[in-house]
Protein backbone atom coordinates (compact mmCIF):
# COMPACT_ATOMS: atom_id res chain seq x y z
CA MET A 1 39.35 -7.20 23.47
CA ALA A 2 38.84 -3.92 21.62
CA GLU A 3 38.97 -5.83 18.32
CA ILE A 4 36.06 -8.04 19.42
CA PHE A 5 33.96 -5.01 20.32
CA GLU A 6 34.81 -3.37 16.99
CA LYS A 7 33.70 -6.51 15.12
CA ALA A 8 30.48 -6.56 17.16
CA ARG A 9 29.84 -2.92 16.23
CA GLU A 10 30.47 -3.72 12.56
CA LEU A 11 28.10 -6.68 12.77
CA GLY A 12 25.43 -4.48 14.33
CA GLU A 13 25.81 -1.97 11.52
CA ALA A 14 25.63 -4.72 8.90
CA ILE A 15 22.44 -6.06 10.49
CA ILE A 16 20.81 -2.62 10.44
CA GLU A 17 21.77 -2.18 6.78
CA SER A 18 20.44 -5.62 5.78
CA LYS A 19 17.44 -5.96 3.48
CA GLU A 20 15.69 -8.14 6.07
CA TYR A 21 16.06 -5.58 8.85
CA GLN A 22 14.88 -2.79 6.56
CA GLU A 23 11.84 -4.86 5.56
CA LEU A 24 11.10 -5.54 9.22
CA LYS A 25 11.21 -1.83 10.10
CA LYS A 26 9.04 -0.98 7.09
CA ALA A 27 6.46 -3.63 8.02
CA GLU A 28 6.51 -2.41 11.62
CA ALA A 29 5.85 1.18 10.55
CA GLU A 30 3.05 0.10 8.22
CA GLN A 31 1.43 -1.91 11.00
CA GLU A 32 1.70 1.01 13.43
CA ASN A 33 0.07 3.31 10.86
CA ASP A 34 -2.79 0.88 10.21
CA ALA A 35 -5.59 1.82 12.62
CA GLU A 36 -7.42 -1.47 12.08
CA ALA A 37 -4.28 -3.48 12.80
CA MET A 38 -3.61 -1.54 15.98
CA LYS A 39 -7.21 -2.06 17.15
CA LEU A 40 -6.97 -5.81 16.48
CA LEU A 41 -3.68 -6.02 18.38
CA GLN A 42 -5.12 -4.03 21.27
CA ASP A 43 -8.23 -6.25 21.43
CA TYR A 44 -6.05 -9.36 21.45
CA SER A 45 -3.84 -7.94 24.18
CA ILE A 46 -6.87 -7.09 26.33
CA LEU A 47 -8.20 -10.64 25.96
CA ARG A 48 -4.83 -12.12 26.92
CA SER A 49 -4.73 -9.91 30.00
CA LYS A 50 -8.26 -10.94 30.88
CA LEU A 51 -7.30 -14.59 30.66
CA ALA A 52 -4.22 -14.04 32.84
CA GLU A 53 -6.30 -12.18 35.44
CA GLU A 54 -8.88 -14.93 35.62
CA ILE A 55 -6.17 -17.56 36.07
CA GLN A 56 -4.49 -15.50 38.81
CA LYS A 57 -7.77 -15.14 40.71
CA GLY A 58 -8.02 -18.87 41.02
CA ASP A 59 -9.67 -21.64 39.08
CA PRO A 60 -12.10 -19.92 36.69
CA GLY A 61 -13.67 -23.21 35.73
CA GLU A 62 -13.45 -25.16 32.54
CA GLU A 63 -16.46 -23.51 30.91
CA ARG A 64 -15.15 -19.98 31.49
CA MET A 65 -11.63 -20.95 30.34
CA ASN A 66 -13.04 -22.43 27.14
CA ALA A 67 -15.06 -19.26 26.51
CA ILE A 68 -11.98 -17.07 26.95
CA ARG A 69 -9.90 -19.39 24.75
CA THR A 70 -12.54 -19.21 22.04
CA GLU A 71 -12.57 -15.40 22.22
CA LEU A 72 -8.78 -15.40 22.05
CA GLU A 73 -8.72 -17.72 19.03
CA GLU A 74 -11.32 -15.58 17.24
CA ALA A 75 -9.30 -12.42 17.94
CA TYR A 76 -6.16 -14.15 16.66
CA GLU A 77 -7.93 -15.26 13.49
CA LYS A 78 -9.04 -11.66 12.86
CA MET A 79 -5.45 -10.51 13.31
CA THR A 80 -4.17 -13.02 10.77
CA THR A 81 -6.51 -11.63 8.13
CA ASN A 82 -4.98 -8.15 8.41
CA ASP A 83 -2.31 -7.58 5.76
CA SER A 84 -0.22 -5.23 7.91
CA ILE A 85 -0.08 -7.69 10.79
CA THR A 86 0.76 -10.70 8.61
CA ALA A 87 3.46 -8.71 6.75
CA TYR A 88 5.01 -7.72 10.08
CA ILE A 89 4.85 -11.28 11.44
CA ASN A 90 6.46 -12.66 8.28
CA ALA A 91 9.20 -10.01 8.30
CA GLN A 92 9.81 -10.70 12.00
CA ARG A 93 10.13 -14.46 11.36
CA THR A 94 12.57 -13.90 8.50
CA PHE A 95 14.71 -11.55 10.55
CA GLN A 96 14.62 -13.85 13.59
CA ALA A 97 15.79 -16.77 11.43
CA ILE A 98 18.80 -14.71 10.36
CA ILE A 99 19.64 -13.82 13.96
CA GLU A 100 19.33 -17.49 14.93
CA GLN A 101 21.60 -18.52 12.08
CA MET A 102 24.16 -15.89 13.14
CA ASN A 103 24.06 -17.22 16.70
CA ASN A 104 24.57 -20.75 15.38
CA ILE A 105 27.59 -19.62 13.35
CA LEU A 106 29.10 -17.88 16.39
CA SER A 107 28.45 -20.94 18.51
CA PHE A 108 30.09 -23.18 15.92
CA HIS A 109 33.22 -21.08 15.82
CA ILE A 110 33.43 -20.93 19.61
CA THR A 111 32.59 -24.55 20.41
CA GLY A 112 33.30 -26.40 17.16
CA LYS A 113 29.75 -27.77 17.25
CA MET A 114 26.78 -26.46 15.35
CA PRO A 115 23.61 -26.18 17.46
CA GLY A 116 20.84 -28.42 16.22
CA GLY A 117 23.17 -31.27 15.36
CA CYS A 118 24.87 -29.95 12.25
CA SER A 119 27.18 -32.63 10.95
CA GLY A 120 29.38 -30.26 8.99
CA ASN A 121 28.18 -31.87 5.75
CA CYS A 122 26.48 -29.04 3.88
CA SER A 123 25.05 -31.18 1.07
CA SER A 124 21.61 -31.22 2.72
CA CYS A 125 21.77 -27.75 4.25
CA VAL A 126 20.72 -24.38 2.87
CA GLY A 127 22.55 -22.35 5.51
CA ASP A 128 25.84 -20.51 5.26
CA CYS A 129 27.49 -21.91 8.36
CA TYR A 130 31.13 -21.35 7.74
């Protein structure tokens, strides 16, 4: 069992040292240091909370729901125009894809089946499964 934990520790260290993880942390720091980005994120969070509160209170009505949705969509659009936010989102997606691929590889080696229906024929795949 100790060997498994040692391999897990090594994997964790390799993840932290990866280019993708480093880019994620850099993008995160840049976003946190961007006052405009933080304001946009805060505004979006407040609107989401407002929507949740209105739903919890009961049926806010279709007109009010549409107004809140429109506000939320506008706030989201503003966020997507901020370079710090989009860089962080892209870095997060890239890193998450790597974590998902790692989980798929582990699953394959444990179960013999690749999640998502991998046939084992790598001719049409870009992943490094085995």
